[in-house]
Amino acid sequence: MAALLQLFGANPLGGLVLAVLVPLVIVAFGTYVGVLMALQSFFDASSWQEATQPGDAEE
């Protein structure tokens, strides 16, 4: 893993790719988790599986 990072760091284009890709992955993961938490809160579910399953709505 460290050798791969050193390889990308030695190449200016690789460094640019890392500088863009790493924050993008972090933001995408954070957005995914945030949406799951919002669904869970909105539907007052005890788990995200319960919030995302269709049907089983309380009447």
PDB file of N, CA and C in Angstrom:
ATOM      1  N   MET A   1       0.829  -1.194   0.000  1.00  0.00           N
ATOM      2  CA  MET A   1       0.000   0.000   0.000  1.00  0.00           C
ATOM      3  C   MET A   1       0.871   1.256   0.000  1.00  0.00           C
ATOM      4  N   ALA A   2       1.899   1.272   0.844  1.00  0.00           N
ATOM      5  CA  ALA A   2       2.775   2.444   0.929  1.00  0.00           C
ATOM      6  C   ALA A   2       3.523   2.643  -0.389  1.00  0.00           C
ATOM      7  N   ALA A   3       3.918   1.535  -1.036  1.00  0.00           N
ATOM      8  CA  ALA A   3       4.628   1.645  -2.313  1.00  0.00           C
ATOM      9  C   ALA A   3       3.714   2.250  -3.375  1.00  0.00           C
ATOM     10  N   LEU A   4       2.449   1.914  -3.332  1.00  0.00           N
ATOM     11  CA  LEU A   4       1.493   2.463  -4.285  1.00  0.00           C
ATOM     12  C   LEU A   4       1.345   3.977  -4.079  1.00  0.00           C
ATOM     13  N   LEU A   5       1.260   4.407  -2.828  1.00  0.00           N
ATOM     14  CA  LEU A   5       1.159   5.835  -2.548  1.00  0.00           C
ATOM     15  C   LEU A   5       2.428   6.574  -2.953  1.00  0.00           C
ATOM     16  N   GLN A   6       3.584   5.941  -2.755  1.00  0.00           N
ATOM     17  CA  GLN A   6       4.837   6.566  -3.165  1.00  0.00           C
ATOM     18  C   GLN A   6       4.905   6.680  -4.681  1.00  0.00           C
ATOM     19  N   LEU A   7       4.401   5.672  -5.377  1.00  0.00           N
ATOM     20  CA  LEU A   7       4.395   5.691  -6.840  1.00  0.00           C
ATOM     21  C   LEU A   7       3.526   6.832  -7.351  1.00  0.00           C
ATOM     22  N   PHE A   8       2.338   6.994  -6.777  1.00  0.00           N
ATOM     23  CA  PHE A   8       1.464   8.084  -7.191  1.00  0.00           C
ATOM     24  C   PHE A   8       2.040   9.436  -6.794  1.00  0.00           C
ATOM     25  N   GLY A   9       2.689   9.494  -5.628  1.00  0.00           N
ATOM     26  CA  GLY A   9       3.258  10.757  -5.165  1.00  0.00           C
ATOM     27  C   GLY A   9       4.432  11.207  -6.013  1.00  0.00           C
ATOM     28  N   ALA A  10       5.162  10.269  -6.612  1.00  0.00           N
ATOM     29  CA  ALA A  10       6.321  10.610  -7.432  1.00  0.00           C
ATOM     30  C   ALA A  10       5.897  11.186  -8.781  1.00  0.00           C
ATOM     31  N   ASN A  11       4.731  10.815  -9.244  1.00  0.00           N
ATOM     32  CA  ASN A  11       4.218  11.291 -10.526  1.00  0.00           C
ATOM     33  C   ASN A  11       3.312  12.495 -10.269  1.00  0.00           C
ATOM     34  N   PRO A  12       3.570  13.648 -10.885  1.00  0.00           N
ATOM     35  CA  PRO A  12       2.719  14.818 -10.638  1.00  0.00           C
ATOM     36  C   PRO A  12       1.245  14.580 -10.979  1.00  0.00           C
ATOM     37  N   LEU A  13       0.990  13.848 -12.061  1.00  0.00           N
ATOM     38  CA  LEU A  13      -0.399  13.548 -12.421  1.00  0.00           C
ATOM     39  C   LEU A  13      -1.024  12.610 -11.387  1.00  0.00           C
ATOM     40  N   GLY A  14      -0.245  11.661 -10.901  1.00  0.00           N
ATOM     41  CA  GLY A  14      -0.742  10.750  -9.866  1.00  0.00           C
ATOM     42  C   GLY A  14      -1.070  11.492  -8.584  1.00  0.00           C
ATOM     43  N   GLY A  15      -0.248  12.466  -8.238  1.00  0.00           N
ATOM     44  CA  GLY A  15      -0.518  13.266  -7.047  1.00  0.00           C
ATOM     45  C   GLY A  15      -1.801  14.062  -7.197  1.00  0.00           C
ATOM     46  N   LEU A  16      -2.023  14.580  -8.392  1.00  0.00           N
ATOM     47  CA  LEU A  16      -3.255  15.329  -8.650  1.00  0.00           C
ATOM     48  C   LEU A  16      -4.471  14.414  -8.557  1.00  0.00           C
ATOM     49  N   VAL A  17      -4.341  13.223  -9.100  1.00  0.00           N
ATOM     50  CA  VAL A  17      -5.443  12.257  -9.033  1.00  0.00           C
ATOM     51  C   VAL A  17      -5.750  11.919  -7.578  1.00  0.00           C
ATOM     52  N   LEU A  18      -4.715  11.680  -6.782  1.00  0.00           N
ATOM     53  CA  LEU A  18      -4.932  11.397  -5.361  1.00  0.00           C
ATOM     54  C   LEU A  18      -5.561  12.586  -4.656  1.00  0.00           C
ATOM     55  N   ALA A  19      -5.117  13.795  -4.986  1.00  0.00           N
ATOM     56  CA  ALA A  19      -5.640  14.997  -4.336  1.00  0.00           C
ATOM     57  C   ALA A  19      -7.116  15.217  -4.636  1.00  0.00           C
ATOM     58  N   VAL A  20      -7.588  14.710  -5.763  1.00  0.00           N
ATOM     59  CA  VAL A  20      -9.000  14.853  -6.114  1.00  0.00           C
ATOM     60  C   VAL A  20      -9.800  13.634  -5.675  1.00  0.00           C
ATOM     61  N   LEU A  21      -9.246  12.452  -5.868  1.00  0.00           N
ATOM     62  CA  LEU A  21      -9.988  11.219  -5.637  1.00  0.00           C
ATOM     63  C   LEU A  21     -10.255  10.941  -4.153  1.00  0.00           C
ATOM     64  N   VAL A  22      -9.268  11.151  -3.306  1.00  0.00           N
ATOM     65  CA  VAL A  22      -9.437  10.842  -1.875  1.00  0.00           C
ATOM     66  C   VAL A  22     -10.533  11.705  -1.242  1.00  0.00           C
ATOM     67  N   PRO A  23     -10.515  13.024  -1.398  1.00  0.00           N
ATOM     68  CA  PRO A  23     -11.626  13.815  -0.833  1.00  0.00           C
ATOM     69  C   PRO A  23     -12.981  13.473  -1.453  1.00  0.00           C
ATOM     70  N   LEU A  24     -12.997  13.149  -2.737  1.00  0.00           N
ATOM     71  CA  LEU A  24     -14.246  12.790  -3.394  1.00  0.00           C
ATOM     72  C   LEU A  24     -14.845  11.528  -2.778  1.00  0.00           C
ATOM     73  N   VAL A  25     -14.015  10.532  -2.515  1.00  0.00           N
ATOM     74  CA  VAL A  25     -14.495   9.289  -1.896  1.00  0.00           C
ATOM     75  C   VAL A  25     -14.991   9.566  -0.481  1.00  0.00           C
ATOM     76  N   ILE A  26     -14.285  10.411   0.256  1.00  0.00           N
ATOM     77  CA  ILE A  26     -14.699  10.740   1.625  1.00  0.00           C
ATOM     78  C   ILE A  26     -16.047  11.467   1.619  1.00  0.00           C
ATOM     79  N   VAL A  27     -16.213  12.429   0.724  1.00  0.00           N
ATOM     80  CA  VAL A  27     -17.477  13.167   0.641  1.00  0.00           C
ATOM     81  C   VAL A  27     -18.615  12.243   0.203  1.00  0.00           C
ATOM     82  N   ALA A  28     -18.364  11.372  -0.752  1.00  0.00           N
ATOM     83  CA  ALA A  28     -19.404  10.452  -1.223  1.00  0.00           C
ATOM     84  C   ALA A  28     -19.840   9.507  -0.103  1.00  0.00           C
ATOM     85  N   PHE A  29     -18.884   8.988   0.659  1.00  0.00           N
ATOM     86  CA  PHE A  29     -19.225   8.091   1.763  1.00  0.00           C
ATOM     87  C   PHE A  29     -20.003   8.839   2.838  1.00  0.00           C
ATOM     88  N   GLY A  30     -19.574  10.052   3.159  1.00  0.00           N
ATOM     89  CA  GLY A  30     -20.276  10.848   4.161  1.00  0.00           C
ATOM     90  C   GLY A  30     -21.693  11.183   3.734  1.00  0.00           C
ATOM     91  N   THR A  31     -21.878  11.465   2.453  1.00  0.00           N
ATOM     92  CA  THR A  31     -23.214  11.754   1.935  1.00  0.00           C
ATOM     93  C   THR A  31     -24.101  10.516   2.036  1.00  0.00           C
ATOM     94  N   TYR A  32     -23.545   9.365   1.687  1.00  0.00           N
ATOM     95  CA  TYR A  32     -24.297   8.104   1.766  1.00  0.00           C
ATOM     96  C   TYR A  32     -24.758   7.834   3.198  1.00  0.00           C
ATOM     97  N   VAL A  33     -23.841   7.974   4.143  1.00  0.00           N
ATOM     98  CA  VAL A  33     -24.182   7.734   5.545  1.00  0.00           C
ATOM     99  C   VAL A  33     -25.191   8.774   6.027  1.00  0.00           C
ATOM    100  N   GLY A  34     -25.027  10.019   5.611  1.00  0.00           N
ATOM    101  CA  GLY A  34     -25.967  11.063   6.010  1.00  0.00           C
ATOM    102  C   GLY A  34     -27.371  10.822   5.501  1.00  0.00           C
ATOM    103  N   VAL A  35     -27.487  10.363   4.266  1.00  0.00           N
ATOM    104  CA  VAL A  35     -28.813  10.061   3.709  1.00  0.00           C
ATOM    105  C   VAL A  35     -29.448   8.903   4.469  1.00  0.00           C
ATOM    106  N   LEU A  36     -28.665   7.882   4.785  1.00  0.00           N
ATOM    107  CA  LEU A  36     -29.218   6.761   5.556  1.00  0.00           C
ATOM    108  C   LEU A  36     -29.692   7.220   6.929  1.00  0.00           C
ATOM    109  N   MET A  37     -28.917   8.086   7.571  1.00  0.00           N
ATOM    110  CA  MET A  37     -29.316   8.590   8.895  1.00  0.00           C
ATOM    111  C   MET A  37     -30.574   9.458   8.792  1.00  0.00           C
ATOM    112  N   ALA A  38     -30.689  10.258   7.723  1.00  0.00           N
ATOM    113  CA  ALA A  38     -31.873  11.095   7.534  1.00  0.00           C
ATOM    114  C   ALA A  38     -33.112  10.236   7.300  1.00  0.00           C
ATOM    115  N   LEU A  39     -32.975   9.189   6.493  1.00  0.00           N
ATOM    116  CA  LEU A  39     -34.104   8.274   6.275  1.00  0.00           C
ATOM    117  C   LEU A  39     -34.535   7.622   7.581  1.00  0.00           C
ATOM    118  N   GLN A  40     -33.562   7.189   8.351  1.00  0.00           N
ATOM    119  CA  GLN A  40     -33.863   6.531   9.619  1.00  0.00           C
ATOM    120  C   GLN A  40     -34.591   7.496  10.552  1.00  0.00           C
ATOM    121  N   SER A  41     -34.146   8.729  10.604  1.00  0.00           N
ATOM    122  CA  SER A  41     -34.770   9.724  11.465  1.00  0.00           C
ATOM    123  C   SER A  41     -36.164  10.095  10.964  1.00  0.00           C
ATOM    124  N   PHE A  42     -36.305  10.302   9.657  1.00  0.00           N
ATOM    125  CA  PHE A  42     -37.580  10.730   9.082  1.00  0.00           C
ATOM    126  C   PHE A  42     -38.664   9.678   9.280  1.00  0.00           C
ATOM    127  N   PHE A  43     -38.320   8.420   9.074  1.00  0.00           N
ATOM    128  CA  PHE A  43     -39.309   7.360   9.193  1.00  0.00           C
ATOM    129  C   PHE A  43     -39.368   6.766  10.598  1.00  0.00           C
ATOM    130  N   ASP A  44     -38.617   7.345  11.526  1.00  0.00           N
ATOM    131  CA  ASP A  44     -38.588   6.891  12.914  1.00  0.00           C
ATOM    132  C   ASP A  44     -38.331   5.389  12.991  1.00  0.00           C
ATOM    133  N   ALA A  45     -37.351   4.948  12.237  1.00  0.00           N
ATOM    134  CA  ALA A  45     -37.017   3.529  12.161  1.00  0.00           C
ATOM    135  C   ALA A  45     -35.913   3.206  13.156  1.00  0.00           C
ATOM    136  N   SER A  46     -35.876   1.969  13.586  1.00  0.00           N
ATOM    137  CA  SER A  46     -34.834   1.553  14.525  1.00  0.00           C
ATOM    138  C   SER A  46     -33.563   1.127  13.794  1.00  0.00           C
ATOM    139  N   SER A  47     -33.670   0.893  12.489  1.00  0.00           N
ATOM    140  CA  SER A  47     -32.496   0.547  11.689  1.00  0.00           C
ATOM    141  C   SER A  47     -32.680   1.098  10.285  1.00  0.00           C
ATOM    142  N   TRP A  48     -31.575   1.228   9.551  1.00  0.00           N
ATOM    143  CA  TRP A  48     -31.697   1.769   8.184  1.00  0.00           C
ATOM    144  C   TRP A  48     -32.365   0.764   7.265  1.00  0.00           C
ATOM    145  N   GLN A  49     -32.274  -0.549   7.562  1.00  0.00           N
ATOM    146  CA  GLN A  49     -32.973  -1.542   6.744  1.00  0.00           C
ATOM    147  C   GLN A  49     -34.482  -1.324   6.852  1.00  0.00           C
ATOM    148  N   GLU A  50     -34.935  -1.037   8.052  1.00  0.00           N
ATOM    149  CA  GLU A  50     -36.357  -0.803   8.273  1.00  0.00           C
ATOM    150  C   GLU A  50     -36.823   0.461   7.543  1.00  0.00           C
ATOM    151  N   ALA A  51     -35.961   1.477   7.489  1.00  0.00           N
ATOM    152  CA  ALA A  51     -36.327   2.739   6.844  1.00  0.00           C
ATOM    153  C   ALA A  51     -36.356   2.619   5.328  1.00  0.00           C
ATOM    154  N   THR A  52     -35.550   1.740   4.763  1.00  0.00           N
ATOM    155  CA  THR A  52     -35.449   1.659   3.312  1.00  0.00           C
ATOM    156  C   THR A  52     -36.304   0.563   2.694  1.00  0.00           C
ATOM    157  N   GLN A  53     -36.921  -0.288   3.496  1.00  0.00           N
ATOM    158  CA  GLN A  53     -37.767  -1.349   2.942  1.00  0.00           C
ATOM    159  C   GLN A  53     -39.106  -0.773   2.493  1.00  0.00           C
ATOM    160  N   PRO A  54     -39.538  -1.102   1.280  1.00  0.00           N
ATOM    161  CA  PRO A  54     -40.855  -0.640   0.833  1.00  0.00           C
ATOM    162  C   PRO A  54     -41.968  -1.395   1.558  1.00  0.00           C
ATOM    163  N   GLY A  55     -43.104  -0.748   1.681  1.00  0.00           N
ATOM    164  CA  GLY A  55     -44.227  -1.382   2.348  1.00  0.00           C
ATOM    165  C   GLY A  55     -44.052  -1.341   3.853  1.00  0.00           C
ATOM    166  N   ASP A  56     -44.803  -2.163   4.537  1.00  0.00           N
ATOM    167  CA  ASP A  56     -44.757  -2.256   5.996  1.00  0.00           C
ATOM    168  C   ASP A  56     -44.955  -0.890   6.659  1.00  0.00           C
ATOM    169  N   ALA A  57     -45.741  -0.021   6.043  1.00  0.00           N
ATOM    170  CA  ALA A  57     -45.965   1.309   6.604  1.00  0.00           C
ATOM    171  C   ALA A  57     -46.999   1.219   7.715  1.00  0.00           C
ATOM    172  N   GLU A  58     -46.786   2.008   8.746  1.00  0.00           N
ATOM    173  CA  GLU A  58     -47.750   2.040   9.830  1.00  0.00           C
ATOM    174  C   GLU A  58     -48.961   2.858   9.400  1.00  0.00           C
ATOM    175  N   GLU A  59     -50.123   2.340   9.723  1.00  0.00           N
ATOM    176  CA  GLU A  59     -51.342   3.047   9.303  1.00  0.00           C
ATOM    177  C   GLU A  59     -52.099   3.521  10.504  1.00  0.00           C
TER     178      GLU A  59
END
